[in-house]
Amino acid sequence: MEHIHWYPGHIAKAEKKLKEQVNVVDVIVEVLDARIPLSSSYPDIEKLIKERPRLILLNKSDLANAEQTQNWVRTIREKTNCPVIATSAGDNKDLSKILNKVIELGQPKIIKLVQKGLLPRPVRIMVVGMPNVGKSSIINKLIKKTKAKTGAKAGVTRDQQWVRINPKIDLLDTPGIIPLKQDDQRKAYKLAFVDSIGENAYDVEAVADIFIKDVETVYPEHIKNYYKLENEEVTIENIALKRNWIISGGRPDTKRCAQNILNDFRSGRLGKLTLDKNE
């Protein structure tokens, strides 16, 4: 298996920034990718967010296997003791459910402020998660692009901008990026599948090859049927030949094919697939 690389310096910088952001909020909204709920989670999140209450969103659930998503909702809720909601950025049906849960999680902090003689204020929240799990889309969903920015808060870093979601919620409008770590290469490959890792960190053909093997393990015959392979082995080369992606000398254009396979998965054209096993 070819090694996936990224830079430790970026990890340290991202962790420092995230800790600064966490210090000014009451509630954390953690976003996971419903297709890889385990691989897109951060094992040390409790250390980063300290004792703050957390709402976990399984985003992009419209691209994942519905039954598996519900199983993961139950599993993650039991494991973390946090509320978990399956969602997708393009569907607002669950918006009120998310907002009500955030208000509920933030109430103990607001009650403490009032008990100290302070005026009640909106619950301050932020959205965190691995790269490309849909944090910005979730923020846009919460804001609905109709709310007004409220600017900086007293006692809060000046460059932190807030958006008033409703009279009870203020949202930090910058997503908190949870840093990637490379100590688990299986997890790293799955993050590459969903485009959470920049393509300059890996070989696209190696990633597509592992992707094919992973899908065939969970969904036998799925890729073979999608690309209309008959007696051919399911390989990048054979898919390229089937699609007539040919380069000089009649050779299959494996790089183009590998990129297209990953794009077909990321866009949902390959179907609703969940690649983390819930064991």
C-alpha atoms as a PDB file:
ATOM      1  CA  MET A   1       0.000   0.000   0.000  1.00  0.00           C
ATOM      2  CA  GLU A   2       1.466   3.343  -1.056  1.00  0.00           C
ATOM      3  CA  HIS A   3       1.932   5.782   1.815  1.00  0.00           C
ATOM      4  CA  ILE A   4      -0.206   8.932   2.039  1.00  0.00           C
ATOM      5  CA  HIS A   5       1.666  11.996   3.309  1.00  0.00           C
ATOM      6  CA  TRP A   6       0.792  15.361   4.745  1.00  0.00           C
ATOM      7  CA  TYR A   7       2.760  17.855   6.743  1.00  0.00           C
ATOM      8  CA  PRO A   8       3.071  17.768  10.565  1.00  0.00           C
ATOM      9  CA  GLY A   9       3.595  21.548  10.652  1.00  0.00           C
ATOM     10  CA  HIS A  10       0.113  22.050   9.239  1.00  0.00           C
ATOM     11  CA  ILE A  11      -1.281  19.757  11.929  1.00  0.00           C
ATOM     12  CA  ALA A  12       0.275  21.785  14.749  1.00  0.00           C
ATOM     13  CA  LYS A  13      -0.929  25.064  13.248  1.00  0.00           C
ATOM     14  CA  ALA A  14      -4.469  23.747  12.754  1.00  0.00           C
ATOM     15  CA  GLU A  15      -4.612  22.376  16.310  1.00  0.00           C
ATOM     16  CA  LYS A  16      -3.506  25.705  17.769  1.00  0.00           C
ATOM     17  CA  LYS A  17      -6.099  27.662  15.794  1.00  0.00           C
ATOM     18  CA  LEU A  18      -8.859  25.214  16.663  1.00  0.00           C
ATOM     19  CA  LYS A  19      -8.088  25.431  20.385  1.00  0.00           C
ATOM     20  CA  GLU A  20      -8.300  29.231  20.171  1.00  0.00           C
ATOM     21  CA  GLN A  21     -11.686  28.990  18.455  1.00  0.00           C
ATOM     22  CA  VAL A  22     -13.025  26.418  20.937  1.00  0.00           C
ATOM     23  CA  ASN A  23     -12.232  28.740  23.845  1.00  0.00           C
ATOM     24  CA  VAL A  24     -14.876  31.278  22.752  1.00  0.00           C
ATOM     25  CA  VAL A  25     -17.850  28.945  22.183  1.00  0.00           C
ATOM     26  CA  ASP A  26     -20.348  27.065  24.347  1.00  0.00           C
ATOM     27  CA  VAL A  27     -21.349  24.173  22.047  1.00  0.00           C
ATOM     28  CA  ILE A  28     -19.434  22.233  19.379  1.00  0.00           C
ATOM     29  CA  VAL A  29     -21.168  20.950  16.236  1.00  0.00           C
ATOM     30  CA  GLU A  30     -18.939  18.165  14.906  1.00  0.00           C
ATOM     31  CA  VAL A  31     -19.479  17.168  11.268  1.00  0.00           C
ATOM     32  CA  LEU A  32     -18.637  13.641  10.081  1.00  0.00           C
ATOM     33  CA  ASP A  33     -18.988  12.168   6.595  1.00  0.00           C
ATOM     34  CA  ALA A  34     -21.826   9.622   6.705  1.00  0.00           C
ATOM     35  CA  ARG A  35     -20.021   7.455   4.128  1.00  0.00           C
ATOM     36  CA  ILE A  36     -17.043   7.037   6.480  1.00  0.00           C
ATOM     37  CA  PRO A  37     -18.311   7.975   9.979  1.00  0.00           C
ATOM     38  CA  LEU A  38     -15.441   6.267  11.772  1.00  0.00           C
ATOM     39  CA  SER A  39     -12.640   7.352   9.443  1.00  0.00           C
ATOM     40  CA  SER A  40     -13.798  10.989   9.376  1.00  0.00           C
ATOM     41  CA  SER A  41     -13.926  11.195  13.180  1.00  0.00           C
ATOM     42  CA  TYR A  42     -11.038  12.492  15.250  1.00  0.00           C
ATOM     43  CA  PRO A  43     -10.036  10.184  18.106  1.00  0.00           C
ATOM     44  CA  ASP A  44      -8.672  13.029  20.258  1.00  0.00           C
ATOM     45  CA  ILE A  45     -11.624  15.399  19.819  1.00  0.00           C
ATOM     46  CA  GLU A  46     -12.404  15.399  23.542  1.00  0.00           C
ATOM     47  CA  LYS A  47      -8.917  16.807  24.237  1.00  0.00           C
ATOM     48  CA  LEU A  48      -9.492  19.589  21.700  1.00  0.00           C
ATOM     49  CA  ILE A  49     -12.969  20.634  22.810  1.00  0.00           C
ATOM     50  CA  LYS A  50     -12.425  19.923  26.533  1.00  0.00           C
ATOM     51  CA  GLU A  51     -15.708  19.649  28.449  1.00  0.00           C
ATOM     52  CA  ARG A  52     -17.931  21.427  25.947  1.00  0.00           C
ATOM     53  CA  PRO A  53     -21.174  19.725  24.905  1.00  0.00           C
ATOM     54  CA  ARG A  54     -21.143  18.367  21.368  1.00  0.00           C
ATOM     55  CA  LEU A  55     -23.746  17.695  18.685  1.00  0.00           C
ATOM     56  CA  ILE A  56     -22.557  15.242  16.010  1.00  0.00           C
ATOM     57  CA  LEU A  57     -23.907  15.539  12.466  1.00  0.00           C
ATOM     58  CA  LEU A  58     -23.547  12.684   9.984  1.00  0.00           C
ATOM     59  CA  ASN A  59     -23.415  14.873   6.882  1.00  0.00           C
ATOM     60  CA  LYS A  60     -23.794  13.772   3.244  1.00  0.00           C
ATOM     61  CA  SER A  61     -26.223  11.100   4.408  1.00  0.00           C
ATOM     62  CA  ASP A  62     -27.917  11.469   1.018  1.00  0.00           C
ATOM     63  CA  LEU A  63     -24.805   9.814  -0.479  1.00  0.00           C
ATOM     64  CA  ALA A  64     -24.581   7.010   2.095  1.00  0.00           C
ATOM     65  CA  ASN A  65     -26.469   3.759   2.627  1.00  0.00           C
ATOM     66  CA  ALA A  66     -29.568   4.766   4.625  1.00  0.00           C
ATOM     67  CA  GLU A  67     -29.727   1.627   6.793  1.00  0.00           C
ATOM     68  CA  GLN A  68     -26.015   1.855   7.622  1.00  0.00           C
ATOM     69  CA  THR A  69     -26.393   5.534   8.493  1.00  0.00           C
ATOM     70  CA  GLN A  70     -29.088   4.784  11.054  1.00  0.00           C
ATOM     71  CA  ASN A  71     -26.921   2.023  12.521  1.00  0.00           C
ATOM     72  CA  TRP A  72     -24.038   4.481  12.810  1.00  0.00           C
ATOM     73  CA  VAL A  73     -26.273   7.091  14.447  1.00  0.00           C
ATOM     74  CA  ARG A  74     -27.082   4.588  17.209  1.00  0.00           C
ATOM     75  CA  THR A  75     -23.493   3.358  17.545  1.00  0.00           C
ATOM     76  CA  ILE A  76     -21.949   6.827  17.775  1.00  0.00           C
ATOM     77  CA  ARG A  77     -24.621   8.003  20.224  1.00  0.00           C
ATOM     78  CA  GLU A  78     -23.898   5.035  22.503  1.00  0.00           C
ATOM     79  CA  LYS A  79     -20.122   5.404  22.216  1.00  0.00           C
ATOM     80  CA  THR A  80     -19.884   9.186  22.728  1.00  0.00           C
ATOM     81  CA  ASN A  81     -23.007   9.873  24.800  1.00  0.00           C
ATOM     82  CA  CYS A  82     -23.616  12.790  22.417  1.00  0.00           C
ATOM     83  CA  PRO A  83     -26.746  13.511  20.359  1.00  0.00           C
ATOM     84  CA  VAL A  84     -26.314  12.437  16.723  1.00  0.00           C
ATOM     85  CA  ILE A  85     -28.341  13.619  13.710  1.00  0.00           C
ATOM     86  CA  ALA A  86     -28.049  12.355  10.133  1.00  0.00           C
ATOM     87  CA  THR A  87     -28.250  15.277   7.728  1.00  0.00           C
ATOM     88  CA  SER A  88     -27.347  16.564   4.290  1.00  0.00           C
ATOM     89  CA  ALA A  89     -26.442  20.135   3.472  1.00  0.00           C
ATOM     90  CA  GLY A  90     -29.037  20.461   0.716  1.00  0.00           C
ATOM     91  CA  ASP A  91     -32.032  19.395   2.825  1.00  0.00           C
ATOM     92  CA  ASN A  92     -33.477  21.786   5.426  1.00  0.00           C
ATOM     93  CA  LYS A  93     -36.113  19.429   6.860  1.00  0.00           C
ATOM     94  CA  ASP A  94     -33.993  18.729   9.935  1.00  0.00           C
ATOM     95  CA  LEU A  95     -32.853  22.340  10.469  1.00  0.00           C
ATOM     96  CA  SER A  96     -35.190  23.058  13.390  1.00  0.00           C
ATOM     97  CA  LYS A  97     -34.188  19.755  15.013  1.00  0.00           C
ATOM     98  CA  ILE A  98     -30.511  20.757  14.830  1.00  0.00           C
ATOM     99  CA  LEU A  99     -31.129  24.268  16.177  1.00  0.00           C
ATOM    100  CA  ASN A 100     -33.324  23.029  19.037  1.00  0.00           C
ATOM    101  CA  LYS A 101     -30.694  20.494  20.063  1.00  0.00           C
ATOM    102  CA  VAL A 102     -27.981  23.190  20.031  1.00  0.00           C
ATOM    103  CA  ILE A 103     -30.109  25.443  22.280  1.00  0.00           C
ATOM    104  CA  GLU A 104     -30.750  22.526  24.639  1.00  0.00           C
ATOM    105  CA  LEU A 105     -27.024  21.710  24.865  1.00  0.00           C
ATOM    106  CA  GLY A 106     -26.136  25.357  25.516  1.00  0.00           C
ATOM    107  CA  GLN A 107     -28.709  26.065  28.211  1.00  0.00           C
ATOM    108  CA  PRO A 108     -26.610  24.927  31.199  1.00  0.00           C
ATOM    109  CA  LYS A 109     -23.942  27.508  30.269  1.00  0.00           C
ATOM    110  CA  ILE A 110     -26.508  30.304  29.911  1.00  0.00           C
ATOM    111  CA  ILE A 111     -28.129  29.364  33.249  1.00  0.00           C
ATOM    112  CA  LYS A 112     -24.706  29.568  34.946  1.00  0.00           C
ATOM    113  CA  LEU A 113     -24.178  33.073  33.526  1.00  0.00           C
ATOM    114  CA  VAL A 114     -27.562  34.206  34.844  1.00  0.00           C
ATOM    115  CA  GLN A 115     -26.814  32.689  38.255  1.00  0.00           C
ATOM    116  CA  LYS A 116     -23.668  34.860  38.333  1.00  0.00           C
ATOM    117  CA  GLY A 117     -25.828  37.931  37.820  1.00  0.00           C
ATOM    118  CA  LEU A 118     -25.110  38.315  34.095  1.00  0.00           C
ATOM    119  CA  LEU A 119     -27.739  38.871  31.444  1.00  0.00           C
ATOM    120  CA  PRO A 120     -28.696  35.844  29.343  1.00  0.00           C
ATOM    121  CA  ARG A 121     -27.136  35.784  25.879  1.00  0.00           C
ATOM    122  CA  PRO A 122     -27.388  33.563  22.786  1.00  0.00           C
ATOM    123  CA  VAL A 123     -25.602  30.194  22.853  1.00  0.00           C
ATOM    124  CA  ARG A 124     -22.310  30.492  20.969  1.00  0.00           C
ATOM    125  CA  ILE A 125     -21.578  27.591  18.654  1.00  0.00           C
ATOM    126  CA  MET A 126     -18.989  26.559  16.080  1.00  0.00           C
ATOM    127  CA  VAL A 127     -18.855  23.874  13.395  1.00  0.00           C
ATOM    128  CA  VAL A 128     -15.794  21.608  13.356  1.00  0.00           C
ATOM    129  CA  GLY A 129     -14.654  18.603  11.366  1.00  0.00           C
ATOM    130  CA  MET A 130     -12.093  17.095   9.038  1.00  0.00           C
ATOM    131  CA  PRO A 131     -11.446  18.852   5.706  1.00  0.00           C
ATOM    132  CA  ASN A 132     -14.224  18.514   3.124  1.00  0.00           C
ATOM    133  CA  VAL A 133     -16.830  16.794   5.283  1.00  0.00           C
ATOM    134  CA  GLY A 134     -19.170  19.688   4.447  1.00  0.00           C
ATOM    135  CA  LYS A 135     -18.572  22.142   7.300  1.00  0.00           C
ATOM    136  CA  SER A 136     -19.065  25.252   5.158  1.00  0.00           C
ATOM    137  CA  SER A 137     -22.229  23.786   3.635  1.00  0.00           C
ATOM    138  CA  ILE A 138     -23.597  23.099   7.112  1.00  0.00           C
ATOM    139  CA  ILE A 139     -22.750  26.665   8.149  1.00  0.00           C
ATOM    140  CA  ASN A 140     -24.592  27.997   5.092  1.00  0.00           C
ATOM    141  CA  LYS A 141     -27.532  25.746   5.929  1.00  0.00           C
ATOM    142  CA  LEU A 142     -27.671  27.096   9.485  1.00  0.00           C
ATOM    143  CA  ILE A 143     -27.318  30.694   8.346  1.00  0.00           C
ATOM    144  CA  LYS A 144     -29.692  30.263   5.382  1.00  0.00           C
ATOM    145  CA  LYS A 145     -27.869  33.327   3.956  1.00  0.00           C
ATOM    146  CA  THR A 146     -30.486  35.641   5.423  1.00  0.00           C
ATOM    147  CA  LYS A 147     -29.085  36.378   8.861  1.00  0.00           C
ATOM    148  CA  ALA A 148     -26.977  39.389   9.772  1.00  0.00           C
ATOM    149  CA  LYS A 149     -23.395  39.278  10.954  1.00  0.00           C
ATOM    150  CA  THR A 150     -23.073  40.514  14.503  1.00  0.00           C
ATOM    151  CA  GLY A 151     -19.336  41.275  14.399  1.00  0.00           C
ATOM    152  CA  ALA A 152     -16.871  40.663  17.204  1.00  0.00           C
ATOM    153  CA  LYS A 153     -17.892  39.812  20.770  1.00  0.00           C
ATOM    154  CA  ALA A 154     -16.671  41.534  23.906  1.00  0.00           C
ATOM    155  CA  GLY A 155     -13.747  39.617  25.336  1.00  0.00           C
ATOM    156  CA  VAL A 156     -13.439  37.564  22.159  1.00  0.00           C
ATOM    157  CA  THR A 157     -10.616  37.719  19.627  1.00  0.00           C
ATOM    158  CA  ARG A 158     -11.310  40.663  17.363  1.00  0.00           C
ATOM    159  CA  ASP A 159     -11.116  38.758  14.060  1.00  0.00           C
ATOM    160  CA  GLN A 160     -13.788  36.241  15.119  1.00  0.00           C
ATOM    161  CA  GLN A 161     -16.974  37.041  13.183  1.00  0.00           C
ATOM    162  CA  TRP A 162     -20.372  35.889  14.421  1.00  0.00           C
ATOM    163  CA  VAL A 163     -23.721  35.372  12.761  1.00  0.00           C
ATOM    164  CA  ARG A 164     -26.997  35.634  14.663  1.00  0.00           C
ATOM    165  CA  ILE A 165     -28.906  32.490  13.630  1.00  0.00           C
ATOM    166  CA  ASN A 166     -31.891  33.365  15.789  1.00  0.00           C
ATOM    167  CA  PRO A 167     -32.365  35.189  19.109  1.00  0.00           C
ATOM    168  CA  LYS A 168     -30.945  32.169  20.964  1.00  0.00           C
ATOM    169  CA  ILE A 169     -27.926  31.179  18.799  1.00  0.00           C
ATOM    170  CA  ASP A 170     -24.775  32.934  17.598  1.00  0.00           C
ATOM    171  CA  LEU A 171     -22.606  31.009  15.126  1.00  0.00           C
ATOM    172  CA  LEU A 172     -18.887  31.501  14.616  1.00  0.00           C
ATOM    173  CA  ASP A 173     -18.849  31.846  10.841  1.00  0.00           C
ATOM    174  CA  THR A 174     -15.431  30.203  10.359  1.00  0.00           C
ATOM    175  CA  PRO A 175     -15.358  26.394  10.310  1.00  0.00           C
ATOM    176  CA  GLY A 176     -12.940  24.750  12.717  1.00  0.00           C
ATOM    177  CA  ILE A 177     -10.695  22.405  10.773  1.00  0.00           C
ATOM    178  CA  ILE A 178      -9.739  19.314  12.733  1.00  0.00           C
ATOM    179  CA  PRO A 179      -6.162  18.425  11.746  1.00  0.00           C
ATOM    180  CA  LEU A 180      -5.390  15.211   9.935  1.00  0.00           C
ATOM    181  CA  LYS A 181      -2.978  12.663  11.311  1.00  0.00           C
ATOM    182  CA  GLN A 182      -1.272  10.009   9.246  1.00  0.00           C
ATOM    183  CA  ASP A 183      -0.724   7.241  11.797  1.00  0.00           C
ATOM    184  CA  ASP A 184      -3.586   5.141  10.366  1.00  0.00           C
ATOM    185  CA  GLN A 185      -3.121   4.558   6.654  1.00  0.00           C
ATOM    186  CA  ARG A 186      -6.424   2.700   6.212  1.00  0.00           C
ATOM    187  CA  LYS A 187      -8.203   5.755   7.569  1.00  0.00           C
ATOM    188  CA  ALA A 188      -6.053   8.009   5.398  1.00  0.00           C
ATOM    189  CA  TYR A 189      -7.118   6.138   2.256  1.00  0.00           C
ATOM    190  CA  LYS A 190     -10.793   6.475   3.138  1.00  0.00           C
ATOM    191  CA  LEU A 191     -10.310  10.205   3.716  1.00  0.00           C
ATOM    192  CA  ALA A 192      -8.752  10.324   0.249  1.00  0.00           C
ATOM    193  CA  PHE A 193     -11.782   8.501  -1.193  1.00  0.00           C
ATOM    194  CA  VAL A 194     -14.071  11.348  -0.064  1.00  0.00           C
ATOM    195  CA  ASP A 195     -11.562  14.074  -1.044  1.00  0.00           C
ATOM    196  CA  SER A 196     -10.617  15.067   2.511  1.00  0.00           C
ATOM    197  CA  ILE A 197      -6.935  14.971   1.583  1.00  0.00           C
ATOM    198  CA  GLY A 198      -5.396  17.104  -1.170  1.00  0.00           C
ATOM    199  CA  GLU A 199      -4.523  15.117  -4.292  1.00  0.00           C
ATOM    200  CA  ASN A 200      -0.872  16.172  -4.128  1.00  0.00           C
ATOM    201  CA  ALA A 201      -0.569  13.998  -0.993  1.00  0.00           C
ATOM    202  CA  TYR A 202      -1.303  10.716  -2.772  1.00  0.00           C
ATOM    203  CA  ASP A 203      -1.190   8.782  -6.040  1.00  0.00           C
ATOM    204  CA  VAL A 204      -4.694   8.825  -7.530  1.00  0.00           C
ATOM    205  CA  GLU A 205      -4.296   5.402  -9.157  1.00  0.00           C
ATOM    206  CA  ALA A 206      -3.176   3.797  -5.899  1.00  0.00           C
ATOM    207  CA  VAL A 207      -6.155   5.325  -4.069  1.00  0.00           C
ATOM    208  CA  ALA A 208      -8.628   4.258  -6.774  1.00  0.00           C
ATOM    209  CA  ASP A 209      -7.210   0.732  -6.691  1.00  0.00           C
ATOM    210  CA  ILE A 210      -7.734   0.476  -2.912  1.00  0.00           C
ATOM    211  CA  PHE A 211     -11.182   2.044  -3.338  1.00  0.00           C
ATOM    212  CA  ILE A 212     -12.219  -0.666  -5.816  1.00  0.00           C
ATOM    213  CA  LYS A 213     -11.050  -3.402  -3.442  1.00  0.00           C
ATOM    214  CA  ASP A 214     -12.858  -1.813  -0.484  1.00  0.00           C
ATOM    215  CA  VAL A 215     -16.142  -1.445  -2.358  1.00  0.00           C
ATOM    216  CA  GLU A 216     -15.954  -4.990  -3.687  1.00  0.00           C
ATOM    217  CA  THR A 217     -15.543  -6.223  -0.092  1.00  0.00           C
ATOM    218  CA  VAL A 218     -18.661  -4.413   1.147  1.00  0.00           C
ATOM    219  CA  TYR A 219     -20.753  -4.398  -2.049  1.00  0.00           C
ATOM    220  CA  PRO A 220     -19.756  -7.416  -4.180  1.00  0.00           C
ATOM    221  CA  GLU A 221     -20.362  -6.976  -7.924  1.00  0.00           C
ATOM    222  CA  HIS A 222     -21.368  -3.320  -7.447  1.00  0.00           C
ATOM    223  CA  ILE A 223     -18.531  -1.723  -9.422  1.00  0.00           C
ATOM    224  CA  LYS A 224     -18.567  -4.529 -11.984  1.00  0.00           C
ATOM    225  CA  ASN A 225     -22.246  -3.907 -12.683  1.00  0.00           C
ATOM    226  CA  TYR A 226     -21.934  -0.106 -12.702  1.00  0.00           C
ATOM    227  CA  TYR A 227     -19.137  -0.090 -15.276  1.00  0.00           C
ATOM    228  CA  LYS A 228     -20.750  -2.957 -17.202  1.00  0.00           C
ATOM    229  CA  LEU A 229     -17.809  -5.319 -16.939  1.00  0.00           C
ATOM    230  CA  GLU A 230     -18.731  -8.847 -17.979  1.00  0.00           C
ATOM    231  CA  ASN A 231     -16.069 -11.494 -17.598  1.00  0.00           C
ATOM    232  CA  GLU A 232     -13.287  -8.989 -17.002  1.00  0.00           C
ATOM    233  CA  GLU A 233     -11.621  -8.583 -13.630  1.00  0.00           C
ATOM    234  CA  VAL A 234     -12.565  -5.354 -11.862  1.00  0.00           C
ATOM    235  CA  THR A 235      -9.449  -3.236 -12.376  1.00  0.00           C
ATOM    236  CA  ILE A 236      -8.725   0.359 -13.349  1.00  0.00           C
ATOM    237  CA  GLU A 237      -7.231  -0.900 -16.622  1.00  0.00           C
ATOM    238  CA  ASN A 238     -10.328  -2.895 -17.579  1.00  0.00           C
ATOM    239  CA  ILE A 239     -12.693  -0.063 -16.653  1.00  0.00           C
ATOM    240  CA  ALA A 240     -10.624   2.330 -18.792  1.00  0.00           C
ATOM    241  CA  LEU A 241     -10.766  -0.072 -21.741  1.00  0.00           C
ATOM    242  CA  LYS A 242     -14.529  -0.496 -21.280  1.00  0.00           C
ATOM    243  CA  ARG A 243     -14.971   3.296 -21.338  1.00  0.00           C
ATOM    244  CA  ASN A 244     -12.597   3.566 -24.293  1.00  0.00           C
ATOM    245  CA  TRP A 245     -10.202   5.822 -22.404  1.00  0.00           C
ATOM    246  CA  ILE A 246      -7.107   5.083 -24.446  1.00  0.00           C
ATOM    247  CA  ILE A 247      -3.732   6.817 -24.755  1.00  0.00           C
ATOM    248  CA  SER A 248      -0.906   6.372 -27.255  1.00  0.00           C
ATOM    249  CA  GLY A 249      -0.049   2.805 -28.131  1.00  0.00           C
ATOM    250  CA  GLY A 250      -3.562   1.632 -27.363  1.00  0.00           C
ATOM    251  CA  ARG A 251      -2.869   1.587 -23.626  1.00  0.00           C
ATOM    252  CA  PRO A 252      -5.632   2.283 -21.104  1.00  0.00           C
ATOM    253  CA  ASP A 253      -5.585   5.810 -19.652  1.00  0.00           C
ATOM    254  CA  THR A 254      -5.447   4.624 -16.055  1.00  0.00           C
ATOM    255  CA  LYS A 255      -4.879   8.035 -14.494  1.00  0.00           C
ATOM    256  CA  ARG A 256      -7.985   9.518 -16.135  1.00  0.00           C
ATOM    257  CA  CYS A 257      -9.972   6.417 -15.240  1.00  0.00           C
ATOM    258  CA  ALA A 258      -8.843   6.449 -11.599  1.00  0.00           C
ATOM    259  CA  GLN A 259      -9.908  10.073 -11.221  1.00  0.00           C
ATOM    260  CA  ASN A 260     -13.282   9.348 -12.808  1.00  0.00           C
ATOM    261  CA  ILE A 261     -13.905   6.367 -10.513  1.00  0.00           C
ATOM    262  CA  LEU A 262     -13.302   8.537  -7.442  1.00  0.00           C
ATOM    263  CA  ASN A 263     -15.440  11.351  -8.890  1.00  0.00           C
ATOM    264  CA  ASP A 264     -18.276   8.886  -9.580  1.00  0.00           C
ATOM    265  CA  PHE A 265     -18.195   7.864  -5.923  1.00  0.00           C
ATOM    266  CA  ARG A 266     -17.883  11.395  -4.524  1.00  0.00           C
ATOM    267  CA  SER A 267     -20.819  12.653  -6.559  1.00  0.00           C
ATOM    268  CA  GLY A 268     -23.065   9.707  -5.709  1.00  0.00           C
ATOM    269  CA  ARG A 269     -23.196   8.370  -9.257  1.00  0.00           C
ATOM    270  CA  LEU A 270     -21.883   5.015  -8.005  1.00  0.00           C
ATOM    271  CA  GLY A 271     -24.818   4.784  -5.628  1.00  0.00           C
ATOM    272  CA  LYS A 272     -25.388   5.256  -1.899  1.00  0.00           C
ATOM    273  CA  LEU A 273     -22.347   3.603  -0.353  1.00  0.00           C
ATOM    274  CA  THR A 274     -21.058   3.449   3.231  1.00  0.00           C
ATOM    275  CA  LEU A 275     -17.472   2.216   3.418  1.00  0.00           C
ATOM    276  CA  ASP A 276     -16.848   2.061   7.180  1.00  0.00           C
ATOM    277  CA  LYS A 277     -17.986  -1.212   8.706  1.00  0.00           C
ATOM    278  CA  ASN A 278     -20.036  -0.880  11.880  1.00  0.00           C
ATOM    279  CA  GLU A 279     -18.798  -3.815  13.928  1.00  0.00           C
END
